[in-house]
Amino acid sequence: MKHQIHAQRKVSFAVALLGIVFALGSAAHAADPRTNGWFTTYSGQYARIYTNAAMVASGTVLTTWSNNSQTQSSPAYCGVQEVYSSSNSVYVRSTGLASYNMGPWQNGAFPNLPVNQKLFYRVPRTNGVPATKSITEGGQIGIFVDGVEMFNSWDAFYWNGSTTTSGGSGGYWNQDAYVNEGATFDAGYAHQQNTGTYHYHANPIALRYLLGDHVDYDASAKTYKESASAPTKHSPILGWVADGFPIYGPYGYSVSNNASSGIRRMISGYVLRNGQFGTDNLTNTLRTSLPAWAVRLFGSSYGTTYTGPAISTNVGKYMEDKAYLGDLTNSVTQAKYLQGTDYDLDEYNGRWCVTPEFPNGTYAYFVAIAADGTPVFPYNIGRGYYGTPAGGTITSPSETVVTNFLGGPEAKPSLNLPAAKNGSVTLTWSATEGGTYMVQSTTNFSAWTTNSTTVAAVLNNASYTNNPTDNYRFYRVAQTALATYDSAGSGTGSGGGGGASYAVPGNSTVSRGSGTNISLTITLPGNPPSPPANAPISSITLGSLTATSFSDATSGTVLANFTIPSSAATGDLTVVVTFTSGPPPFSFSNALNLTP
């Protein structure tokens, strides 16, 4: 993973031009939000938590933690680490840990802590819309673009006819997660259950802030709130539901099919059953009947007795305490309430509309909030899916896929424009936290001088300032080591601390005593043409050593991992990549110099 750059001011134009090329390349792929809309800015940075208010006040965070039930013994990287796709699906690998500082939860009184979920999630590209809708069960129902899991509006407790219980698929009276558990949410409106799955039930406000969705951040209190100004742009896609439809933030076009109609907050179709808007008043009628939306969705799934728990002062505690406006009549006009006129979002919390990413229209869910930003039912999506929930967690794809993104420990460093001051040049590049980098320079491209081997990443960046007397140099950087980390489950074999990483070709010098594991990023020459991505490889060798694992998810680039025994022969080693079928073996002489 070596990148070279001229450090003189007179070639700054060439460096700027390189940046333009990268920008054009990114724009060319922006048309597919399913593959390019993931929030990966901090994928090379460790996930962090606060466990109490004192840590928030002091800015102290943890990258490893334990409460004897949930333990994160090695750092894990934030969120989305890999994205793959086919014509049918998009696949996302994630730790499930947010990019912002998570916690605290009830100032340390909440019993659970988040841990790496090693999540591999499939989002279907095609969307079936069945007449009979599926109920969203407890647990994962989708994934947000930061790699955090989406849960529904249920807290997993329900009335079984005689008492409140948990487990199973619920019943006719299901407790509202925000109402009953909201006090346990952190500043990002998320928490975790006993397996450490960090998740959102409602308005993911910290993610929305990171995406620029009309949210303000209080740097002193480290909290988020809805901006008081009027919204000026459509909310971004926040995630994907298991049925393949997107979920947006709370702001959309005023008229669903008109992108020029202005921006406003989407109004939920649900109201409390308190006698207003034509609802019955549960305080008087008690919980003796279900709202029409629940009858349609549940049918007789849980029996024929609809009587729920007694009423005290807790109307709103259960999801079924809310009615859908589309089923109600306006007592003043004696007309049915209409979607698009009286409210925006249907009983599944979405609508058919045009959006910036889908100018020809799509069904889309929207986050539901009140004018002051308070989450309102049904929060992210309703109790039922609008489409067929064909997505979900898988072990591995059952089809050929292309690689759209590799982040965290798999990301290649990217050099930024150098900065010159007082005769010195400072190089900066994207880095992986826990990584150590080597900087080399040359004046003629035949002999390279090692300037430093100890440049450590600071979060997900690194930098090096040259000696002012070096008046004419080209520079390159390479990652030489990576601290142990908790893998998201990457198939490249680098999980748990893959050891030092080297580029081939690159003429790197490696000390046999620097570690037993190394990773190679092998760039194949353009001639002969490289086999397609995921072409079968029969072997990769480094001298007399054989790779312990390898992959070629991107055409032209092969990743290989080797274990270096203490008895390995030293000297210049040749790398040979042999494909099962296709071109002759690719050979790289003197790819690595192994020293004692």
Foldseek 3Di string as FASTA:
>chain_A
DKDKFWQDPVCLVVQVVVVVVVVVVLVVPVLDCQQNVFPCPQQLFFAWEDAAQVCLQVVNIDQWDDPPQDTFHFTHGWFWFFWWDDPWKIKTFTQQGAPDHADDFLRNPDRAAAGRPLFIWIFTQDWFFDPAFAFFFADFFWAWSRRHGEGFQFPQWEFLPDDIDGDDRYALWTFGCCVVPVSRGGLQQWDADSVRRIYHHFDRFVLQVVVVNQKDADSNSRHIWGHPDFDFAFFDFTTAGLSNATEGEQKDALAFADRPRTIDGFFAQKDFQCPPLQHHRCVPVPQQDFAPVSCSNCVQVSHDGRHGDGDDPDQVRTPRRMYGQQVGAGPVVRHRDDDSPNGPAGQFQWDWGAHPSRSVTDIYHYAHAPPRRHGDPRRTTHRTDSTDSNMTTDDDDPDQIAISDGDHPPDDKDWDSWDDDPLKIKIKIFARAQWWKWKWKDQPVPDIDTPDRGFHDDSGMTMDIDDSVCNTIMMMMATFFGDARAYSNDQAPCHRTQTTEEEPQDLEEAELPRFFKYKYKYFFDPPPPFDAFFQAWPWKDKAPWTFPGKGRSHTRIIMTMTGRDPPDDFAFIKIWTGTPDDDHIGIGTSRYGYHD
